[in-house]
C-alpha atoms as a PDB file:
ATOM      1  CA  MET A   1      56.909  23.387 -40.633  1.00  0.00           C
ATOM      2  CA  ARG A   2      59.991  25.523 -40.955  1.00  0.00           C
ATOM      3  CA  ASP A   3      62.763  25.505 -38.355  1.00  0.00           C
ATOM      4  CA  HIS A   4      63.579  29.088 -37.392  1.00  0.00           C
ATOM      5  CA  ARG A   5      66.880  27.954 -35.874  1.00  0.00           C
ATOM      6  CA  LYS A   6      68.163  27.159 -39.357  1.00  0.00           C
ATOM      7  CA  LEU A   7      67.636  30.716 -40.608  1.00  0.00           C
ATOM      8  CA  LYS A   8      70.528  33.174 -40.644  1.00  0.00           C
ATOM      9  CA  ALA A   9      67.928  35.950 -40.273  1.00  0.00           C
ATOM     10  CA  PHE A  10      66.781  34.463 -36.964  1.00  0.00           C
ATOM     11  CA  GLU A  11      70.346  33.940 -35.754  1.00  0.00           C
ATOM     12  CA  LEU A  12      71.156  37.607 -36.394  1.00  0.00           C
ATOM     13  CA  ALA A  13      67.857  38.819 -34.933  1.00  0.00           C
ATOM     14  CA  ASN A  14      68.494  36.762 -31.811  1.00  0.00           C
ATOM     15  CA  ASP A  15      72.006  38.220 -31.501  1.00  0.00           C
ATOM     16  CA  LEU A  16      70.482  41.663 -31.914  1.00  0.00           C
ATOM     17  CA  VAL A  17      68.094  41.048 -28.995  1.00  0.00           C
ATOM     18  CA  PHE A  18      71.010  40.268 -26.694  1.00  0.00           C
ATOM     19  CA  ALA A  19      73.028  43.231 -27.980  1.00  0.00           C
ATOM     20  CA  VAL A  20      70.109  45.612 -27.408  1.00  0.00           C
ATOM     21  CA  TYR A  21      69.489  44.322 -23.894  1.00  0.00           C
ATOM     22  CA  LYS A  22      73.165  44.680 -23.058  1.00  0.00           C
ATOM     23  CA  ALA A  23      73.458  48.147 -24.618  1.00  0.00           C
ATOM     24  CA  THR A  24      70.336  49.546 -22.959  1.00  0.00           C
ATOM     25  CA  ARG A  25      71.611  48.641 -19.482  1.00  0.00           C
ATOM     26  CA  ALA A  26      73.751  51.780 -19.734  1.00  0.00           C
ATOM     27  CA  PHE A  27      70.808  54.062 -20.562  1.00  0.00           C
ATOM     28  CA  PRO A  28      69.697  56.645 -17.998  1.00  0.00           C
ATOM     29  CA  ASN A  29      67.238  55.379 -15.378  1.00  0.00           C
ATOM     30  CA  GLU A  30      64.580  57.821 -16.556  1.00  0.00           C
ATOM     31  CA  GLU A  31      64.499  55.934 -19.876  1.00  0.00           C
ATOM     32  CA  ILE A  32      63.548  52.577 -18.322  1.00  0.00           C
ATOM     33  CA  PHE A  33      59.898  53.015 -19.349  1.00  0.00           C
ATOM     34  CA  GLY A  34      60.765  55.000 -22.455  1.00  0.00           C
ATOM     35  CA  LEU A  35      63.474  54.312 -24.984  1.00  0.00           C
ATOM     36  CA  THR A  36      64.912  51.305 -23.135  1.00  0.00           C
ATOM     37  CA  SER A  37      61.565  49.527 -23.101  1.00  0.00           C
ATOM     38  CA  GLN A  38      60.747  50.457 -26.710  1.00  0.00           C
ATOM     39  CA  MET A  39      64.099  49.228 -28.027  1.00  0.00           C
ATOM     40  CA  ARG A  40      63.865  45.951 -26.169  1.00  0.00           C
ATOM     41  CA  ARG A  41      60.296  45.317 -27.311  1.00  0.00           C
ATOM     42  CA  ALA A  42      61.140  46.069 -30.936  1.00  0.00           C
ATOM     43  CA  ALA A  43      64.214  43.811 -30.846  1.00  0.00           C
ATOM     44  CA  VAL A  44      62.278  40.919 -29.329  1.00  0.00           C
ATOM     45  CA  SER A  45      59.494  41.448 -31.862  1.00  0.00           C
ATOM     46  CA  VAL A  46      61.932  40.991 -34.749  1.00  0.00           C
ATOM     47  CA  ALA A  47      63.054  37.552 -33.561  1.00  0.00           C
ATOM     48  CA  ALA A  48      59.653  36.471 -32.221  1.00  0.00           C
ATOM     49  CA  ASN A  49      57.848  37.207 -35.481  1.00  0.00           C
ATOM     50  CA  ILE A  50      60.381  35.138 -37.413  1.00  0.00           C
ATOM     51  CA  VAL A  51      59.710  32.260 -35.016  1.00  0.00           C
ATOM     52  CA  GLU A  52      55.942  32.640 -35.247  1.00  0.00           C
ATOM     53  CA  GLY A  53      56.049  32.926 -39.021  1.00  0.00           C
ATOM     54  CA  CYS A  54      58.020  29.703 -39.282  1.00  0.00           C
ATOM     55  CA  ALA A  55      55.309  27.931 -37.295  1.00  0.00           C
ATOM     56  CA  ARG A  56      52.565  28.987 -39.694  1.00  0.00           C
ATOM     57  CA  GLN A  57      51.168  26.606 -42.274  1.00  0.00           C
ATOM     58  CA  THR A  58      50.966  28.760 -45.374  1.00  0.00           C
ATOM     59  CA  LEU A  59      53.546  30.730 -47.300  1.00  0.00           C
ATOM     60  CA  LYS A  60      51.252  33.760 -47.164  1.00  0.00           C
ATOM     61  CA  GLU A  61      51.191  33.679 -43.356  1.00  0.00           C
ATOM     62  CA  TYR A  62      54.959  33.128 -43.229  1.00  0.00           C
ATOM     63  CA  ARG A  63      55.578  36.163 -45.448  1.00  0.00           C
ATOM     64  CA  ASN A  64      53.165  38.247 -43.363  1.00  0.00           C
ATOM     65  CA  PHE A  65      55.049  37.517 -40.131  1.00  0.00           C
ATOM     66  CA  LEU A  66      58.379  38.220 -41.810  1.00  0.00           C
ATOM     67  CA  SER A  67      56.957  41.532 -42.976  1.00  0.00           C
ATOM     68  CA  ILE A  68      55.936  42.376 -39.409  1.00  0.00           C
ATOM     69  CA  SER A  69      59.408  41.347 -38.274  1.00  0.00           C
ATOM     70  CA  PHE A  70      60.999  43.669 -40.823  1.00  0.00           C
ATOM     71  CA  GLY A  71      58.773  46.537 -39.683  1.00  0.00           C
ATOM     72  CA  SER A  72      59.884  46.006 -36.090  1.00  0.00           C
ATOM     73  CA  LEU A  73      63.478  45.911 -37.272  1.00  0.00           C
ATOM     74  CA  ARG A  74      63.127  49.264 -39.025  1.00  0.00           C
ATOM     75  CA  GLU A  75      61.549  50.682 -35.860  1.00  0.00           C
ATOM     76  CA  LEU A  76      64.534  49.417 -33.885  1.00  0.00           C
ATOM     77  CA  GLY A  77      66.857  51.028 -36.412  1.00  0.00           C
ATOM     78  CA  TYR A  78      65.291  54.395 -35.633  1.00  0.00           C
ATOM     79  CA  TYR A  79      65.702  53.824 -31.891  1.00  0.00           C
ATOM     80  CA  ILE A  80      69.360  52.902 -32.361  1.00  0.00           C
ATOM     81  CA  GLU A  81      69.896  56.100 -34.337  1.00  0.00           C
ATOM     82  CA  LEU A  82      68.050  58.125 -31.697  1.00  0.00           C
ATOM     83  CA  SER A  83      70.040  56.618 -28.826  1.00  0.00           C
ATOM     84  CA  GLY A  84      73.232  57.576 -30.647  1.00  0.00           C
ATOM     85  CA  ARG A  85      72.065  61.142 -31.181  1.00  0.00           C
ATOM     86  CA  LEU A  86      71.138  61.361 -27.496  1.00  0.00           C
ATOM     87  CA  SER A  87      74.649  60.074 -26.587  1.00  0.00           C
ATOM     88  CA  TYR A  88      73.214  57.233 -24.510  1.00  0.00           C
ATOM     89  CA  LEU A  89      75.907  54.882 -25.802  1.00  0.00           C
ATOM     90  CA  PRO A  90      79.615  55.301 -26.384  1.00  0.00           C
ATOM     91  CA  GLN A  91      80.299  55.802 -30.090  1.00  0.00           C
ATOM     92  CA  GLN A  92      81.877  52.349 -30.554  1.00  0.00           C
ATOM     93  CA  LYS A  93      78.957  50.510 -28.932  1.00  0.00           C
ATOM     94  CA  ASN A  94      76.478  52.515 -30.991  1.00  0.00           C
ATOM     95  CA  SER A  95      78.458  51.704 -34.133  1.00  0.00           C
ATOM     96  CA  ASP A  96      78.542  47.988 -33.265  1.00  0.00           C
ATOM     97  CA  LEU A  97      74.783  47.978 -32.692  1.00  0.00           C
ATOM     98  CA  LYS A  98      74.182  49.782 -35.995  1.00  0.00           C
ATOM     99  CA  ASN A  99      76.363  47.267 -37.836  1.00  0.00           C
ATOM    100  CA  LEU A 100      74.458  44.303 -36.384  1.00  0.00           C
ATOM    101  CA  TYR A 101      71.166  46.025 -37.221  1.00  0.00           C
ATOM    102  CA  GLU A 102      72.264  46.626 -40.824  1.00  0.00           C
ATOM    103  CA  GLN A 103      73.481  43.044 -41.259  1.00  0.00           C
ATOM    104  CA  THR A 104      70.179  41.735 -39.861  1.00  0.00           C
ATOM    105  CA  ALA A 105      68.226  44.041 -42.170  1.00  0.00           C
ATOM    106  CA  ARG A 106      70.139  42.848 -45.260  1.00  0.00           C
ATOM    107  CA  VAL A 107      69.630  39.164 -44.460  1.00  0.00           C
ATOM    108  CA  LEU A 108      65.967  39.522 -43.481  1.00  0.00           C
ATOM    109  CA  ALA A 109      65.225  41.625 -46.570  1.00  0.00           C
ATOM    110  CA  GLY A 110      66.920  38.957 -48.699  1.00  0.00           C
ATOM    111  CA  LEU A 111      64.769  36.250 -47.126  1.00  0.00           C
ATOM    112  CA  VAL A 112      61.587  38.245 -47.727  1.00  0.00           C
ATOM    113  CA  LYS A 113      62.601  38.935 -51.322  1.00  0.00           C
ATOM    114  CA  SER A 114      63.405  35.273 -51.945  1.00  0.00           C
ATOM    115  CA  LEU A 115      59.936  34.277 -50.733  1.00  0.00           C
ATOM    116  CA  HIS A 116      58.303  36.729 -53.105  1.00  0.00           C
ATOM    117  CA  THR A 117      60.297  35.385 -56.034  1.00  0.00           C
ATOM    118  CA  GLY A 118      59.731  31.763 -55.089  1.00  0.00           C
ATOM    119  CA  LEU A 119      63.340  30.867 -54.273  1.00  0.00           C
ATOM    120  CA  ALA A 120      62.814  29.747 -50.678  1.00  0.00           C
ATOM    121  CA  SER A 121      60.143  28.128 -48.550  1.00  0.00           C
END
């Protein structure tokens, strides 16, 4: 079995979860069941699917969970963009969140690509 704690993609995804939770504390109260909840769920899904994928026996299952993780990450990227456009976060915090999202996306995409080309397990 793979150890998710050894993956840079998981480390970044985990950092992103904490950053999203911290950032969404400042959102308006009326968003608690809306954008706040959606962002938090998507962020947790990114990290959780990496963990679950690592626990799977086959490479096919592993790749499938990483694909789900990447889909959740892209969803989160939209929510980050939306929260910026709605001015729910100060510009610097929104920029920091976007940067962490983009770094996570690059690393996770690289991991997925390496699995499709047979470079990693």
